[in-house]
Amino acid sequence: IFVKSNKSWISPQIDDKRIKEFNLAKKTFGINDIVTHASYLVNLASDKEDVVQKSIRSLFLELEACDKLGISYLVLHPGS
């Protein structure tokens, strides 16, 4: 799964309502361990400074979202 759109730099706020809904869904379906995937735009190895800065910010927000949702794993491809 993704915690935000995988093709957009925009990260929506994850409010208490979304957190409760997510936790209820995990409990309802008996899901314990979740792996999420970082946005496809993240490219920490880019030679373009603006892309690197956007990537750092996006990754930070995705990790923050994972923390709020209790997701322990984030797949990341560093880029090229």
PDB file of N, CA and C in Angstrom:
ATOM      1  N   ILE A   1       0.841  -1.184   0.000  1.00  0.00           N
ATOM      2  CA  ILE A   1       0.000   0.000   0.000  1.00  0.00           C
ATOM      3  C   ILE A   1       0.882   1.241   0.000  1.00  0.00           C
ATOM      4  N   PHE A   2       0.274   2.380  -0.220  1.00  0.00           N
ATOM      5  CA  PHE A   2       0.948   3.670  -0.151  1.00  0.00           C
ATOM      6  C   PHE A   2       0.230   4.511   0.904  1.00  0.00           C
ATOM      7  N   VAL A   3       0.962   5.361   1.614  1.00  0.00           N
ATOM      8  CA  VAL A   3       0.333   6.244   2.596  1.00  0.00           C
ATOM      9  C   VAL A   3      -0.080   7.571   1.965  1.00  0.00           C
ATOM     10  N   LYS A   4       0.286   7.764   0.696  1.00  0.00           N
ATOM     11  CA  LYS A   4      -0.108   8.934  -0.074  1.00  0.00           C
ATOM     12  C   LYS A   4      -0.059   8.547  -1.541  1.00  0.00           C
ATOM     13  N   SER A   5      -0.482   9.445  -2.398  1.00  0.00           N
ATOM     14  CA  SER A   5      -0.414   9.155  -3.828  1.00  0.00           C
ATOM     15  C   SER A   5       1.024   8.822  -4.202  1.00  0.00           C
ATOM     16  N   ASN A   6       1.192   7.784  -4.988  1.00  0.00           N
ATOM     17  CA  ASN A   6       2.538   7.361  -5.352  1.00  0.00           C
ATOM     18  C   ASN A   6       3.123   8.172  -6.506  1.00  0.00           C
ATOM     19  N   LYS A   7       2.316   9.067  -7.101  1.00  0.00           N
ATOM     20  CA  LYS A   7       2.785   9.853  -8.244  1.00  0.00           C
ATOM     21  C   LYS A   7       2.598  11.352  -8.035  1.00  0.00           C
ATOM     22  N   SER A   8       2.539  11.771  -6.767  1.00  0.00           N
ATOM     23  CA  SER A   8       2.353  13.185  -6.446  1.00  0.00           C
ATOM     24  C   SER A   8       3.221  13.557  -5.248  1.00  0.00           C
ATOM     25  N   TRP A   9       3.735  14.781  -5.259  1.00  0.00           N
ATOM     26  CA  TRP A   9       4.523  15.260  -4.130  1.00  0.00           C
ATOM     27  C   TRP A   9       3.625  15.645  -2.953  1.00  0.00           C
ATOM     28  N   ILE A  10       2.360  15.869  -3.197  1.00  0.00           N
ATOM     29  CA  ILE A  10       1.435  16.328  -2.160  1.00  0.00           C
ATOM     30  C   ILE A  10       1.149  15.202  -1.175  1.00  0.00           C
ATOM     31  N   SER A  11       1.237  15.527   0.121  1.00  0.00           N
ATOM     32  CA  SER A  11       0.948  14.563   1.177  1.00  0.00           C
ATOM     33  C   SER A  11      -0.237  15.060   1.996  1.00  0.00           C
ATOM     34  N   PRO A  12      -1.338  14.326   1.970  1.00  0.00           N
ATOM     35  CA  PRO A  12      -2.494  14.755   2.772  1.00  0.00           C
ATOM     36  C   PRO A  12      -2.231  14.583   4.260  1.00  0.00           C
ATOM     37  N   GLN A  13      -2.911  15.376   5.051  1.00  0.00           N
ATOM     38  CA  GLN A  13      -2.819  15.233   6.499  1.00  0.00           C
ATOM     39  C   GLN A  13      -3.516  13.946   6.930  1.00  0.00           C
ATOM     40  N   ILE A  14      -2.913  13.264   7.859  1.00  0.00           N
ATOM     41  CA  ILE A  14      -3.544  12.066   8.418  1.00  0.00           C
ATOM     42  C   ILE A  14      -4.086  12.461   9.779  1.00  0.00           C
ATOM     43  N   ASP A  15      -5.387  12.675   9.816  1.00  0.00           N
ATOM     44  CA  ASP A  15      -6.023  13.145  11.051  1.00  0.00           C
ATOM     45  C   ASP A  15      -6.469  11.956  11.912  1.00  0.00           C
ATOM     46  N   ASP A  16      -6.966  12.287  13.100  1.00  0.00           N
ATOM     47  CA  ASP A  16      -7.377  11.245  14.049  1.00  0.00           C
ATOM     48  C   ASP A  16      -8.457  10.335  13.473  1.00  0.00           C
ATOM     49  N   LYS A  17      -9.362  10.891  12.663  1.00  0.00           N
ATOM     50  CA  LYS A  17     -10.440  10.089  12.067  1.00  0.00           C
ATOM     51  C   LYS A  17      -9.854   9.019  11.151  1.00  0.00           C
ATOM     52  N   ARG A  18      -8.899   9.411  10.299  1.00  0.00           N
ATOM     53  CA  ARG A  18      -8.284   8.434   9.391  1.00  0.00           C
ATOM     54  C   ARG A  18      -7.503   7.372  10.162  1.00  0.00           C
ATOM     55  N   ILE A  19      -6.837   7.790  11.211  1.00  0.00           N
ATOM     56  CA  ILE A  19      -6.074   6.833  12.030  1.00  0.00           C
ATOM     57  C   ILE A  19      -7.019   5.812  12.654  1.00  0.00           C
ATOM     58  N   LYS A  20      -8.132   6.277  13.205  1.00  0.00           N
ATOM     59  CA  LYS A  20      -9.112   5.365  13.818  1.00  0.00           C
ATOM     60  C   LYS A  20      -9.687   4.409  12.783  1.00  0.00           C
ATOM     61  N   GLU A  21     -10.020   4.925  11.595  1.00  0.00           N
ATOM     62  CA  GLU A  21     -10.571   4.072  10.528  1.00  0.00           C
ATOM     63  C   GLU A  21      -9.549   3.019  10.094  1.00  0.00           C
ATOM     64  N   PHE A  22      -8.306   3.435   9.971  1.00  0.00           N
ATOM     65  CA  PHE A  22      -7.245   2.517   9.569  1.00  0.00           C
ATOM     66  C   PHE A  22      -7.065   1.420  10.612  1.00  0.00           C
ATOM     67  N   ASN A  23      -7.010   1.803  11.872  1.00  0.00           N
ATOM     68  CA  ASN A  23      -6.834   0.824  12.945  1.00  0.00           C
ATOM     69  C   ASN A  23      -8.021  -0.123  13.041  1.00  0.00           C
ATOM     70  N   LEU A  24      -9.227   0.389  12.816  1.00  0.00           N
ATOM     71  CA  LEU A  24     -10.416  -0.463  12.825  1.00  0.00           C
ATOM     72  C   LEU A  24     -10.354  -1.471  11.687  1.00  0.00           C
ATOM     73  N   ALA A  25      -9.944  -1.026  10.510  1.00  0.00           N
ATOM     74  CA  ALA A  25      -9.824  -1.939   9.362  1.00  0.00           C
ATOM     75  C   ALA A  25      -8.778  -3.025   9.644  1.00  0.00           C
ATOM     76  N   LYS A  26      -7.639  -2.641  10.234  1.00  0.00           N
ATOM     77  CA  LYS A  26      -6.615  -3.646  10.574  1.00  0.00           C
ATOM     78  C   LYS A  26      -7.190  -4.687  11.527  1.00  0.00           C
ATOM     79  N   LYS A  27      -7.917  -4.211  12.537  1.00  0.00           N
ATOM     80  CA  LYS A  27      -8.486  -5.122  13.529  1.00  0.00           C
ATOM     81  C   LYS A  27      -9.568  -6.004  12.903  1.00  0.00           C
ATOM     82  N   THR A  28     -10.433  -5.401  12.108  1.00  0.00           N
ATOM     83  CA  THR A  28     -11.530  -6.127  11.474  1.00  0.00           C
ATOM     84  C   THR A  28     -11.018  -7.260  10.600  1.00  0.00           C
ATOM     85  N   PHE A  29      -9.958  -7.016   9.856  1.00  0.00           N
ATOM     86  CA  PHE A  29      -9.442  -8.011   8.925  1.00  0.00           C
ATOM     87  C   PHE A  29      -8.259  -8.807   9.476  1.00  0.00           C
ATOM     88  N   GLY A  30      -7.909  -8.588  10.742  1.00  0.00           N
ATOM     89  CA  GLY A  30      -6.851  -9.354  11.378  1.00  0.00           C
ATOM     90  C   GLY A  30      -5.476  -9.101  10.789  1.00  0.00           C
ATOM     91  N   ILE A  31      -5.234  -7.874  10.379  1.00  0.00           N
ATOM     92  CA  ILE A  31      -3.947  -7.516   9.783  1.00  0.00           C
ATOM     93  C   ILE A  31      -3.054  -6.917  10.860  1.00  0.00           C
ATOM     94  N   ASN A  32      -1.855  -7.465  10.994  1.00  0.00           N
ATOM     95  CA  ASN A  32      -0.931  -6.973  12.012  1.00  0.00           C
ATOM     96  C   ASN A  32       0.256  -6.232  11.394  1.00  0.00           C
ATOM     97  N   ASP A  33       0.939  -6.878  10.473  1.00  0.00           N
ATOM     98  CA  ASP A  33       2.125  -6.282   9.870  1.00  0.00           C
ATOM     99  C   ASP A  33       1.781  -5.719   8.500  1.00  0.00           C
ATOM    100  N   ILE A  34       2.102  -4.464   8.305  1.00  0.00           N
ATOM    101  CA  ILE A  34       1.820  -3.793   7.041  1.00  0.00           C
ATOM    102  C   ILE A  34       3.124  -3.242   6.481  1.00  0.00           C
ATOM    103  N   VAL A  35       3.283  -3.405   5.187  1.00  0.00           N
ATOM    104  CA  VAL A  35       4.419  -2.846   4.473  1.00  0.00           C
ATOM    105  C   VAL A  35       3.874  -1.811   3.503  1.00  0.00           C
ATOM    106  N   THR A  36       4.427  -0.623   3.539  1.00  0.00           N
ATOM    107  CA  THR A  36       4.030   0.415   2.597  1.00  0.00           C
ATOM    108  C   THR A  36       5.207   0.716   1.675  1.00  0.00           C
ATOM    109  N   HIS A  37       4.895   1.337   0.568  1.00  0.00           N
ATOM    110  CA  HIS A  37       5.917   1.645  -0.430  1.00  0.00           C
ATOM    111  C   HIS A  37       6.023   3.154  -0.560  1.00  0.00           C
ATOM    112  N   ALA A  38       7.246   3.661  -0.592  1.00  0.00           N
ATOM    113  CA  ALA A  38       7.454   5.102  -0.762  1.00  0.00           C
ATOM    114  C   ALA A  38       6.990   5.527  -2.153  1.00  0.00           C
ATOM    115  N   SER A  39       6.675   6.780  -2.281  1.00  0.00           N
ATOM    116  CA  SER A  39       6.260   7.355  -3.556  1.00  0.00           C
ATOM    117  C   SER A  39       7.283   7.044  -4.641  1.00  0.00           C
ATOM    118  N   TYR A  40       6.794   6.817  -5.848  1.00  0.00           N
ATOM    119  CA  TYR A  40       7.696   6.552  -6.972  1.00  0.00           C
ATOM    120  C   TYR A  40       8.522   7.778  -7.346  1.00  0.00           C
ATOM    121  N   LEU A  41       8.145   8.951  -6.879  1.00  0.00           N
ATOM    122  CA  LEU A  41       8.871  10.175  -7.208  1.00  0.00           C
ATOM    123  C   LEU A  41      10.147  10.342  -6.388  1.00  0.00           C
ATOM    124  N   VAL A  42      10.220   9.687  -5.236  1.00  0.00           N
ATOM    125  CA  VAL A  42      11.388   9.838  -4.368  1.00  0.00           C
ATOM    126  C   VAL A  42      12.641   9.366  -5.105  1.00  0.00           C
ATOM    127  N   ASN A  43      13.613  10.278  -5.196  1.00  0.00           N
ATOM    128  CA  ASN A  43      14.877   9.973  -5.863  1.00  0.00           C
ATOM    129  C   ASN A  43      15.987  10.694  -5.102  1.00  0.00           C
ATOM    130  N   LEU A  44      16.478  10.056  -4.069  1.00  0.00           N
ATOM    131  CA  LEU A  44      17.517  10.640  -3.223  1.00  0.00           C
ATOM    132  C   LEU A  44      18.870  10.718  -3.917  1.00  0.00           C
ATOM    133  N   ALA A  45      19.021  10.017  -5.042  1.00  0.00           N
ATOM    134  CA  ALA A  45      20.287  10.007  -5.766  1.00  0.00           C
ATOM    135  C   ALA A  45      20.276  10.935  -6.987  1.00  0.00           C
ATOM    136  N   SER A  46      19.239  11.745  -7.106  1.00  0.00           N
ATOM    137  CA  SER A  46      19.125  12.636  -8.265  1.00  0.00           C
ATOM    138  C   SER A  46      20.267  13.648  -8.298  1.00  0.00           C
ATOM    139  N   ASP A  47      20.625  14.072  -9.499  1.00  0.00           N
ATOM    140  CA  ASP A  47      21.621  15.140  -9.622  1.00  0.00           C
ATOM    141  C   ASP A  47      20.950  16.516  -9.650  1.00  0.00           C
ATOM    142  N   LYS A  48      19.627  16.534  -9.481  1.00  0.00           N
ATOM    143  CA  LYS A  48      18.872  17.796  -9.437  1.00  0.00           C
ATOM    144  C   LYS A  48      18.531  18.116  -7.981  1.00  0.00           C
ATOM    145  N   GLU A  49      19.069  19.213  -7.490  1.00  0.00           N
ATOM    146  CA  GLU A  49      18.901  19.571  -6.079  1.00  0.00           C
ATOM    147  C   GLU A  49      17.433  19.706  -5.683  1.00  0.00           C
ATOM    148  N   ASP A  50      16.591  20.253  -6.556  1.00  0.00           N
ATOM    149  CA  ASP A  50      15.182  20.406  -6.204  1.00  0.00           C
ATOM    150  C   ASP A  50      14.500  19.046  -6.033  1.00  0.00           C
ATOM    151  N   VAL A  51      14.884  18.075  -6.836  1.00  0.00           N
ATOM    152  CA  VAL A  51      14.320  16.729  -6.714  1.00  0.00           C
ATOM    153  C   VAL A  51      14.786  16.081  -5.416  1.00  0.00           C
ATOM    154  N   VAL A  52      16.042  16.261  -5.070  1.00  0.00           N
ATOM    155  CA  VAL A  52      16.566  15.712  -3.815  1.00  0.00           C
ATOM    156  C   VAL A  52      15.824  16.324  -2.624  1.00  0.00           C
ATOM    157  N   GLN A  53      15.630  17.628  -2.629  1.00  0.00           N
ATOM    158  CA  GLN A  53      14.932  18.292  -1.523  1.00  0.00           C
ATOM    159  C   GLN A  53      13.476  17.838  -1.429  1.00  0.00           C
ATOM    160  N   LYS A  54      12.792  17.734  -2.563  1.00  0.00           N
ATOM    161  CA  LYS A  54      11.410  17.237  -2.560  1.00  0.00           C
ATOM    162  C   LYS A  54      11.371  15.796  -2.071  1.00  0.00           C
ATOM    163  N   SER A  55      12.365  15.014  -2.457  1.00  0.00           N
ATOM    164  CA  SER A  55      12.429  13.616  -2.051  1.00  0.00           C
ATOM    165  C   SER A  55      12.608  13.484  -0.543  1.00  0.00           C
ATOM    166  N   ILE A  56      13.492  14.281   0.012  1.00  0.00           N
ATOM    167  CA  ILE A  56      13.724  14.257   1.464  1.00  0.00           C
ATOM    168  C   ILE A  56      12.455  14.625   2.210  1.00  0.00           C
ATOM    169  N   ARG A  57      11.810  15.685   1.764  1.00  0.00           N
ATOM    170  CA  ARG A  57      10.570  16.142   2.410  1.00  0.00           C
ATOM    171  C   ARG A  57       9.478  15.083   2.292  1.00  0.00           C
ATOM    172  N   SER A  58       9.323  14.520   1.104  1.00  0.00           N
ATOM    173  CA  SER A  58       8.302  13.502   0.887  1.00  0.00           C
ATOM    174  C   SER A  58       8.563  12.277   1.758  1.00  0.00           C
ATOM    175  N   LEU A  59       9.808  11.842   1.800  1.00  0.00           N
ATOM    176  CA  LEU A  59      10.161  10.683   2.605  1.00  0.00           C
ATOM    177  C   LEU A  59       9.902  10.944   4.087  1.00  0.00           C
ATOM    178  N   PHE A  60      10.257  12.139   4.545  1.00  0.00           N
ATOM    179  CA  PHE A  60       9.982  12.504   5.939  1.00  0.00           C
ATOM    180  C   PHE A  60       8.486  12.405   6.234  1.00  0.00           C
ATOM    181  N   LEU A  61       7.656  12.971   5.360  1.00  0.00           N
ATOM    182  CA  LEU A  61       6.205  12.952   5.579  1.00  0.00           C
ATOM    183  C   LEU A  61       5.644  11.535   5.504  1.00  0.00           C
ATOM    184  N   GLU A  62       6.201  10.714   4.626  1.00  0.00           N
ATOM    185  CA  GLU A  62       5.737   9.327   4.540  1.00  0.00           C
ATOM    186  C   GLU A  62       6.122   8.539   5.787  1.00  0.00           C
ATOM    187  N   LEU A  63       7.321   8.769   6.298  1.00  0.00           N
ATOM    188  CA  LEU A  63       7.724   8.108   7.542  1.00  0.00           C
ATOM    189  C   LEU A  63       6.865   8.586   8.714  1.00  0.00           C
ATOM    190  N   GLU A  64       6.547   9.848   8.726  1.00  0.00           N
ATOM    191  CA  GLU A  64       5.663  10.402   9.760  1.00  0.00           C
ATOM    192  C   GLU A  64       4.287   9.745   9.681  1.00  0.00           C
ATOM    193  N   ALA A  65       3.763   9.579   8.461  1.00  0.00           N
ATOM    194  CA  ALA A  65       2.469   8.917   8.280  1.00  0.00           C
ATOM    195  C   ALA A  65       2.526   7.472   8.758  1.00  0.00           C
ATOM    196  N   CYS A  66       3.611   6.776   8.434  1.00  0.00           N
ATOM    197  CA  CYS A  66       3.782   5.395   8.897  1.00  0.00           C
ATOM    198  C   CYS A  66       3.756   5.330  10.419  1.00  0.00           C
ATOM    199  N   ASP A  67       4.433   6.266  11.048  1.00  0.00           N
ATOM    200  CA  ASP A  67       4.458   6.300  12.504  1.00  0.00           C
ATOM    201  C   ASP A  67       3.051   6.495  13.070  1.00  0.00           C
ATOM    202  N   LYS A  68       2.309   7.425  12.511  1.00  0.00           N
ATOM    203  CA  LYS A  68       0.949   7.698  12.989  1.00  0.00           C
ATOM    204  C   LYS A  68       0.035   6.493  12.810  1.00  0.00           C
ATOM    205  N   LEU A  69       0.249   5.742  11.730  1.00  0.00           N
ATOM    206  CA  LEU A  69      -0.616   4.606  11.416  1.00  0.00           C
ATOM    207  C   LEU A  69      -0.109   3.285  11.987  1.00  0.00           C
ATOM    208  N   GLY A  70       1.052   3.310  12.630  1.00  0.00           N
ATOM    209  CA  GLY A  70       1.599   2.096  13.213  1.00  0.00           C
ATOM    210  C   GLY A  70       2.149   1.135  12.173  1.00  0.00           C
ATOM    211  N   ILE A  71       2.630   1.688  11.067  1.00  0.00           N
ATOM    212  CA  ILE A  71       3.224   0.868  10.004  1.00  0.00           C
ATOM    213  C   ILE A  71       4.728   0.808  10.243  1.00  0.00           C
ATOM    214  N   SER A  72       5.240  -0.401  10.358  1.00  0.00           N
ATOM    215  CA  SER A  72       6.654  -0.583  10.723  1.00  0.00           C
ATOM    216  C   SER A  72       7.605  -0.659   9.536  1.00  0.00           C
ATOM    217  N   TYR A  73       7.078  -0.887   8.334  1.00  0.00           N
ATOM    218  CA  TYR A  73       7.963  -1.137   7.194  1.00  0.00           C
ATOM    219  C   TYR A  73       7.637  -0.212   6.020  1.00  0.00           C
ATOM    220  N   LEU A  74       8.695   0.363   5.444  1.00  0.00           N
ATOM    221  CA  LEU A  74       8.565   1.233   4.273  1.00  0.00           C
ATOM    222  C   LEU A  74       9.600   0.798   3.246  1.00  0.00           C
ATOM    223  N   VAL A  75       9.137   0.397   2.077  1.00  0.00           N
ATOM    224  CA  VAL A  75      10.026   0.017   0.980  1.00  0.00           C
ATOM    225  C   VAL A  75      10.453   1.297   0.282  1.00  0.00           C
ATOM    226  N   LEU A  76      11.770   1.417   0.036  1.00  0.00           N
ATOM    227  CA  LEU A  76      12.306   2.615  -0.602  1.00  0.00           C
ATOM    228  C   LEU A  76      13.355   2.216  -1.625  1.00  0.00           C
ATOM    229  N   HIS A  77      13.240   2.796  -2.800  1.00  0.00           N
ATOM    230  CA  HIS A  77      14.269   2.646  -3.820  1.00  0.00           C
ATOM    231  C   HIS A  77      14.977   4.001  -3.874  1.00  0.00           C
ATOM    232  N   PRO A  78      16.271   4.072  -3.563  1.00  0.00           N
ATOM    233  CA  PRO A  78      16.950   5.367  -3.432  1.00  0.00           C
ATOM    234  C   PRO A  78      16.989   6.199  -4.697  1.00  0.00           C
ATOM    235  N   GLY A  79      16.826   5.611  -5.856  1.00  0.00           N
ATOM    236  CA  GLY A  79      16.817   6.384  -7.093  1.00  0.00           C
ATOM    237  C   GLY A  79      18.095   6.197  -7.890  1.00  0.00           C
ATOM    238  N   SER A  80      18.233   7.063  -8.868  1.00  0.00           N
ATOM    239  CA  SER A  80      19.417   6.977  -9.733  1.00  0.00           C
ATOM    240  C   SER A  80      19.846   8.355 -10.174  1.00  0.00           C
TER     241      SER A  80
END
